[in-house]
Every structure is written in structure tokens, then in C-alpha cells.
Amino acid sequence: MWRIASVLSVPISHFFENLDLTDAETSGADPGTAHLTPSQARELAHIFTTLDTSRREAVMAFLRSLAQTGQDVRS
């Protein structure tokens, strides 16, 4: 998606604008296992795209390590 956004000269958040997923936001799912809300996805995409390459890679490595260990980010 990042490459597509680069080719189109738009931020990644562009793909999430006007996305209506109100069912996902209000489904009552366990917050620990729920998917990102549209507003969280937009914010994450915006923040990520403002980082330089080395910081993006560091964030990705951090997220991969959390996913592999099952560590809770909030702990």
C-alpha cells in the first residue's frame, strides 16, 4: 500500500478517508483482540509515513518482536 501511495503521491491515510466501519467499532469485541478502528488506522498510517526510513524499520522490528513474543504493549 505504501508503494501505491508513493506512486499516486498521496499519503497512506488517503486510502482510509471516509471509510465507514462503524460495525467494527461498535461490535463489542474484546479490545485486546479487536482490529484497529478506522481512526486508529488513519492515525497509525499518518504517524508512520512521517518517520524517516531508519525509524520506520525500527518500528517494524519492534512490532515484529511483539508479535512473535505475544508481549502485551500495555504492560
N, C-alpha and C. Protein backbone atom coordinates (compact mmCIF):
# COMPACT_ATOMS: atom_id res chain seq x y z
N MET A 1 0.82 -1.18 0.00
CA MET A 1 0.00 0.00 0.00
C MET A 1 0.87 1.25 0.00
N TRP A 2 2.00 1.16 0.74
CA TRP A 2 2.90 2.31 0.78
C TRP A 2 3.40 2.64 -0.61
N ARG A 3 3.75 1.63 -1.38
CA ARG A 3 4.26 1.87 -2.74
C ARG A 3 3.19 2.47 -3.63
N ILE A 4 1.97 2.00 -3.50
CA ILE A 4 0.87 2.55 -4.29
C ILE A 4 0.68 4.02 -3.94
N ALA A 5 0.70 4.32 -2.64
CA ALA A 5 0.55 5.71 -2.21
C ALA A 5 1.68 6.57 -2.76
N SER A 6 2.90 6.03 -2.77
CA SER A 6 4.04 6.78 -3.31
C SER A 6 3.86 7.08 -4.79
N VAL A 7 3.43 6.08 -5.54
CA VAL A 7 3.23 6.27 -6.98
C VAL A 7 2.14 7.31 -7.24
N LEU A 8 1.09 7.27 -6.41
CA LEU A 8 -0.02 8.21 -6.59
C LEU A 8 0.23 9.56 -5.93
N SER A 9 1.36 9.68 -5.22
CA SER A 9 1.72 10.91 -4.49
C SER A 9 0.64 11.32 -3.49
N VAL A 10 0.14 10.33 -2.75
CA VAL A 10 -0.83 10.60 -1.69
C VAL A 10 -0.35 9.92 -0.42
N PRO A 11 -0.75 10.43 0.75
CA PRO A 11 -0.39 9.73 1.98
C PRO A 11 -1.20 8.43 2.11
N ILE A 12 -0.68 7.47 2.83
CA ILE A 12 -1.40 6.21 3.02
C ILE A 12 -2.77 6.46 3.64
N SER A 13 -2.85 7.45 4.50
CA SER A 13 -4.13 7.75 5.14
C SER A 13 -5.22 8.07 4.13
N HIS A 14 -4.84 8.47 2.92
CA HIS A 14 -5.80 8.76 1.86
C HIS A 14 -6.73 7.57 1.62
N PHE A 15 -6.20 6.35 1.71
CA PHE A 15 -6.99 5.16 1.44
C PHE A 15 -8.01 4.85 2.55
N PHE A 16 -7.84 5.50 3.69
CA PHE A 16 -8.73 5.25 4.81
C PHE A 16 -9.75 6.36 5.03
N GLU A 17 -9.63 7.44 4.26
CA GLU A 17 -10.56 8.55 4.41
C GLU A 17 -11.97 8.10 4.03
N ASN A 18 -12.93 8.58 4.77
CA ASN A 18 -14.34 8.27 4.53
C ASN A 18 -14.65 6.78 4.61
N LEU A 19 -13.82 6.03 5.29
CA LEU A 19 -14.06 4.60 5.46
C LEU A 19 -15.07 4.42 6.58
N ASP A 20 -16.18 3.80 6.29
CA ASP A 20 -17.24 3.63 7.28
C ASP A 20 -17.24 2.19 7.78
N LEU A 21 -16.64 2.00 8.93
CA LEU A 21 -16.62 0.69 9.55
C LEU A 21 -17.24 0.77 10.94
N THR A 22 -18.36 1.44 11.05
CA THR A 22 -18.97 1.63 12.36
C THR A 22 -19.32 0.32 13.02
N ASP A 23 -19.66 -0.72 12.26
CA ASP A 23 -19.94 -2.02 12.85
C ASP A 23 -18.72 -2.57 13.57
N ALA A 24 -17.55 -2.40 12.98
CA ALA A 24 -16.32 -2.89 13.59
C ALA A 24 -16.00 -2.12 14.86
N GLU A 25 -16.33 -0.84 14.88
CA GLU A 25 -16.04 -0.01 16.05
C GLU A 25 -16.99 -0.28 17.20
N THR A 26 -18.19 -0.71 16.91
CA THR A 26 -19.21 -0.85 17.95
C THR A 26 -19.66 -2.29 18.14
N SER A 27 -18.88 -3.24 17.66
CA SER A 27 -19.30 -4.64 17.72
C SER A 27 -19.22 -5.23 19.10
N GLY A 28 -18.56 -4.54 20.04
CA GLY A 28 -18.43 -5.07 21.38
C GLY A 28 -17.34 -6.12 21.49
N ALA A 29 -16.48 -6.20 20.50
CA ALA A 29 -15.39 -7.18 20.52
C ALA A 29 -14.43 -6.85 21.65
N ASP A 30 -13.76 -7.86 22.12
CA ASP A 30 -12.75 -7.69 23.16
C ASP A 30 -11.68 -6.73 22.65
N PRO A 31 -11.44 -5.62 23.35
CA PRO A 31 -10.47 -4.64 22.88
C PRO A 31 -9.08 -5.23 22.69
N GLY A 32 -8.74 -6.27 23.42
CA GLY A 32 -7.43 -6.88 23.28
C GLY A 32 -7.25 -7.62 21.98
N THR A 33 -8.35 -8.02 21.34
CA THR A 33 -8.24 -8.78 20.10
C THR A 33 -8.93 -8.09 18.93
N ALA A 34 -9.53 -6.93 19.18
CA ALA A 34 -10.26 -6.22 18.13
C ALA A 34 -9.30 -5.64 17.10
N HIS A 35 -9.78 -5.49 15.89
CA HIS A 35 -9.00 -4.85 14.84
C HIS A 35 -8.91 -3.36 15.11
N LEU A 36 -8.02 -2.70 14.43
CA LEU A 36 -7.91 -1.26 14.56
C LEU A 36 -9.20 -0.60 14.10
N THR A 37 -9.58 0.45 14.78
CA THR A 37 -10.71 1.24 14.31
C THR A 37 -10.22 2.07 13.13
N PRO A 38 -11.12 2.54 12.30
CA PRO A 38 -10.68 3.39 11.18
C PRO A 38 -9.86 4.60 11.63
N SER A 39 -10.26 5.21 12.74
CA SER A 39 -9.50 6.39 13.19
C SER A 39 -8.11 5.98 13.68
N GLN A 40 -8.00 4.82 14.30
CA GLN A 40 -6.68 4.34 14.73
C GLN A 40 -5.81 4.02 13.51
N ALA A 41 -6.41 3.40 12.50
CA ALA A 41 -5.66 3.07 11.29
C ALA A 41 -5.17 4.32 10.59
N ARG A 42 -6.03 5.34 10.52
CA ARG A 42 -5.62 6.60 9.88
C ARG A 42 -4.48 7.25 10.66
N GLU A 43 -4.61 7.27 11.99
CA GLU A 43 -3.57 7.89 12.81
C GLU A 43 -2.26 7.12 12.68
N LEU A 44 -2.34 5.80 12.74
CA LEU A 44 -1.14 4.98 12.60
C LEU A 44 -0.48 5.20 11.25
N ALA A 45 -1.27 5.21 10.19
CA ALA A 45 -0.72 5.43 8.85
C ALA A 45 -0.08 6.81 8.75
N HIS A 46 -0.73 7.81 9.32
CA HIS A 46 -0.19 9.18 9.26
C HIS A 46 1.14 9.27 10.01
N ILE A 47 1.16 8.75 11.22
CA ILE A 47 2.39 8.81 12.02
C ILE A 47 3.51 8.05 11.34
N PHE A 48 3.20 6.85 10.86
CA PHE A 48 4.22 6.01 10.22
C PHE A 48 4.82 6.69 9.00
N THR A 49 3.99 7.36 8.22
CA THR A 49 4.50 7.99 6.99
C THR A 49 5.34 9.23 7.28
N THR A 50 5.27 9.77 8.49
CA THR A 50 6.10 10.93 8.82
C THR A 50 7.50 10.52 9.28
N LEU A 51 7.72 9.24 9.54
CA LEU A 51 9.01 8.76 10.03
C LEU A 51 10.00 8.60 8.89
N ASP A 52 11.28 8.82 9.21
CA ASP A 52 12.30 8.55 8.19
C ASP A 52 12.50 7.03 8.09
N THR A 53 13.21 6.60 7.09
CA THR A 53 13.36 5.18 6.79
C THR A 53 13.91 4.38 7.96
N SER A 54 14.92 4.87 8.62
CA SER A 54 15.52 4.11 9.72
C SER A 54 14.55 3.95 10.88
N ARG A 55 13.76 4.98 11.15
CA ARG A 55 12.77 4.86 12.23
C ARG A 55 11.63 3.93 11.84
N ARG A 56 11.22 3.96 10.58
CA ARG A 56 10.18 3.03 10.12
C ARG A 56 10.64 1.59 10.31
N GLU A 57 11.90 1.34 9.94
CA GLU A 57 12.43 -0.01 10.10
C GLU A 57 12.50 -0.40 11.57
N ALA A 58 12.86 0.54 12.44
CA ALA A 58 12.91 0.26 13.87
C ALA A 58 11.51 -0.05 14.41
N VAL A 59 10.51 0.71 13.98
CA VAL A 59 9.13 0.46 14.41
C VAL A 59 8.68 -0.91 13.94
N MET A 60 8.98 -1.25 12.70
CA MET A 60 8.58 -2.56 12.17
C MET A 60 9.26 -3.68 12.93
N ALA A 61 10.54 -3.53 13.24
CA ALA A 61 11.26 -4.56 14.00
C ALA A 61 10.64 -4.71 15.39
N PHE A 62 10.30 -3.60 16.01
CA PHE A 62 9.66 -3.63 17.33
C PHE A 62 8.32 -4.36 17.27
N LEU A 63 7.51 -4.02 16.28
CA LEU A 63 6.20 -4.66 16.15
C LEU A 63 6.34 -6.15 15.86
N ARG A 64 7.29 -6.51 15.02
CA ARG A 64 7.52 -7.93 14.74
C ARG A 64 7.92 -8.68 16.01
N SER A 65 8.77 -8.06 16.82
CA SER A 65 9.22 -8.72 18.04
C SER A 65 8.05 -8.88 19.02
N LEU A 66 7.17 -7.90 19.09
CA LEU A 66 5.99 -8.03 19.95
C LEU A 66 5.07 -9.14 19.47
N ALA A 67 4.88 -9.22 18.16
CA ALA A 67 4.01 -10.23 17.60
C ALA A 67 4.56 -11.64 17.84
N GLN A 68 5.85 -11.79 17.79
CA GLN A 68 6.47 -13.10 17.96
C GLN A 68 6.47 -13.55 19.42
N THR A 69 6.59 -12.62 20.33
CA THR A 69 6.65 -12.98 21.75
C THR A 69 5.28 -12.97 22.40
N GLY A 70 4.31 -12.35 21.74
CA GLY A 70 2.99 -12.23 22.35
C GLY A 70 2.95 -11.26 23.51
N GLN A 71 3.98 -10.42 23.61
CA GLN A 71 4.07 -9.45 24.70
C GLN A 71 2.98 -8.41 24.58
N ASP A 72 2.38 -8.05 25.69
CA ASP A 72 1.35 -7.02 25.71
C ASP A 72 2.03 -5.66 25.74
N VAL A 73 1.72 -4.81 24.76
CA VAL A 73 2.33 -3.48 24.65
C VAL A 73 2.04 -2.65 25.90
N ARG A 74 0.86 -2.84 26.49
CA ARG A 74 0.44 -2.01 27.63
C ARG A 74 1.11 -2.42 28.94
N SER A 75 1.83 -3.52 28.99
CA SER A 75 2.42 -3.94 30.26
C SER A 75 3.76 -3.32 30.51
